[in-house]
Amino acid sequence: MSTNKKPKPEKSCLVCGRPFTWRKKWKKDWEQVKYCSKKCQSLRPKPQDNPA
């Protein structure tokens, strides 16, 4: 008996570049997910203040 599972969407983390797949908890906001973990989210690049 085989199950026909569809492949889950995959993205690359903006910090470490590691690929990560869709999770049920991200169902409503998958388009906004950018980081694979809370650690990478805390290490994300900060916007630089460039006073002109």
C-alpha atoms as a PDB file:
ATOM      1  CA  MET A   1       0.000   0.000   0.000  1.00  0.00           C
ATOM      2  CA  SER A   2       1.719   3.184  -1.136  1.00  0.00           C
ATOM      3  CA  THR A   3       0.780   6.737  -0.349  1.00  0.00           C
ATOM      4  CA  ASN A   4       0.907   9.361  -3.052  1.00  0.00           C
ATOM      5  CA  LYS A   5       2.397  12.317  -1.234  1.00  0.00           C
ATOM      6  CA  LYS A   6       2.993  15.495  -3.156  1.00  0.00           C
ATOM      7  CA  PRO A   7       6.429  17.077  -2.798  1.00  0.00           C
ATOM      8  CA  LYS A   8       6.363  19.990  -0.359  1.00  0.00           C
ATOM      9  CA  PRO A   9       7.498  23.464  -1.458  1.00  0.00           C
ATOM     10  CA  GLU A  10      11.082  24.327  -0.613  1.00  0.00           C
ATOM     11  CA  LYS A  11      12.958  27.591   0.006  1.00  0.00           C
ATOM     12  CA  SER A  12      16.520  28.572   0.865  1.00  0.00           C
ATOM     13  CA  CYS A  13      17.291  30.426   4.090  1.00  0.00           C
ATOM     14  CA  LEU A  14      18.469  34.011   3.467  1.00  0.00           C
ATOM     15  CA  VAL A  15      21.140  33.742   6.199  1.00  0.00           C
ATOM     16  CA  CYS A  16      22.699  30.270   5.929  1.00  0.00           C
ATOM     17  CA  GLY A  17      21.456  29.227   2.483  1.00  0.00           C
ATOM     18  CA  ARG A  18      20.196  25.892   3.806  1.00  0.00           C
ATOM     19  CA  PRO A  19      17.099  24.554   2.022  1.00  0.00           C
ATOM     20  CA  PHE A  20      13.996  24.075   4.161  1.00  0.00           C
ATOM     21  CA  THR A  21      10.568  22.690   3.338  1.00  0.00           C
ATOM     22  CA  TRP A  22       7.013  23.816   4.005  1.00  0.00           C
ATOM     23  CA  ARG A  23       5.585  23.132   7.459  1.00  0.00           C
ATOM     24  CA  LYS A  24       1.964  23.034   8.501  1.00  0.00           C
ATOM     25  CA  LYS A  25       2.516  25.887  10.996  1.00  0.00           C
ATOM     26  CA  TRP A  26       3.558  28.117   8.047  1.00  0.00           C
ATOM     27  CA  LYS A  27       0.386  27.314   6.071  1.00  0.00           C
ATOM     28  CA  LYS A  28      -1.058  30.841   6.269  1.00  0.00           C
ATOM     29  CA  ASP A  29       2.158  32.822   5.775  1.00  0.00           C
ATOM     30  CA  TRP A  30       4.492  30.649   3.674  1.00  0.00           C
ATOM     31  CA  GLU A  31       5.173  33.587   1.323  1.00  0.00           C
ATOM     32  CA  GLN A  32       6.604  35.642   4.225  1.00  0.00           C
ATOM     33  CA  VAL A  33       8.835  32.869   5.641  1.00  0.00           C
ATOM     34  CA  LYS A  34      12.493  33.736   4.918  1.00  0.00           C
ATOM     35  CA  TYR A  35      14.560  31.930   7.557  1.00  0.00           C
ATOM     36  CA  CYS A  36      14.973  28.241   8.396  1.00  0.00           C
ATOM     37  CA  SER A  37      15.161  28.748  12.169  1.00  0.00           C
ATOM     38  CA  LYS A  38      14.857  31.263  14.980  1.00  0.00           C
ATOM     39  CA  LYS A  39      18.652  31.327  15.207  1.00  0.00           C
ATOM     40  CA  CYS A  40      18.965  32.434  11.569  1.00  0.00           C
ATOM     41  CA  GLN A  41      16.193  34.971  12.089  1.00  0.00           C
ATOM     42  CA  SER A  42      18.163  36.502  14.972  1.00  0.00           C
ATOM     43  CA  LEU A  43      21.324  36.591  12.810  1.00  0.00           C
ATOM     44  CA  ARG A  44      19.612  38.265   9.863  1.00  0.00           C
ATOM     45  CA  PRO A  45      21.387  41.266   8.390  1.00  0.00           C
ATOM     46  CA  LYS A  46      20.360  44.508  10.044  1.00  0.00           C
ATOM     47  CA  PRO A  47      19.553  47.544   7.877  1.00  0.00           C
ATOM     48  CA  GLN A  48      22.418  50.029   7.953  1.00  0.00           C
ATOM     49  CA  ASP A  49      21.770  53.619   9.015  1.00  0.00           C
ATOM     50  CA  ASN A  50      23.442  55.836   6.406  1.00  0.00           C
ATOM     51  CA  PRO A  51      22.849  59.473   7.307  1.00  0.00           C
ATOM     52  CA  ALA A  52      23.197  61.590   4.185  1.00  0.00           C
END
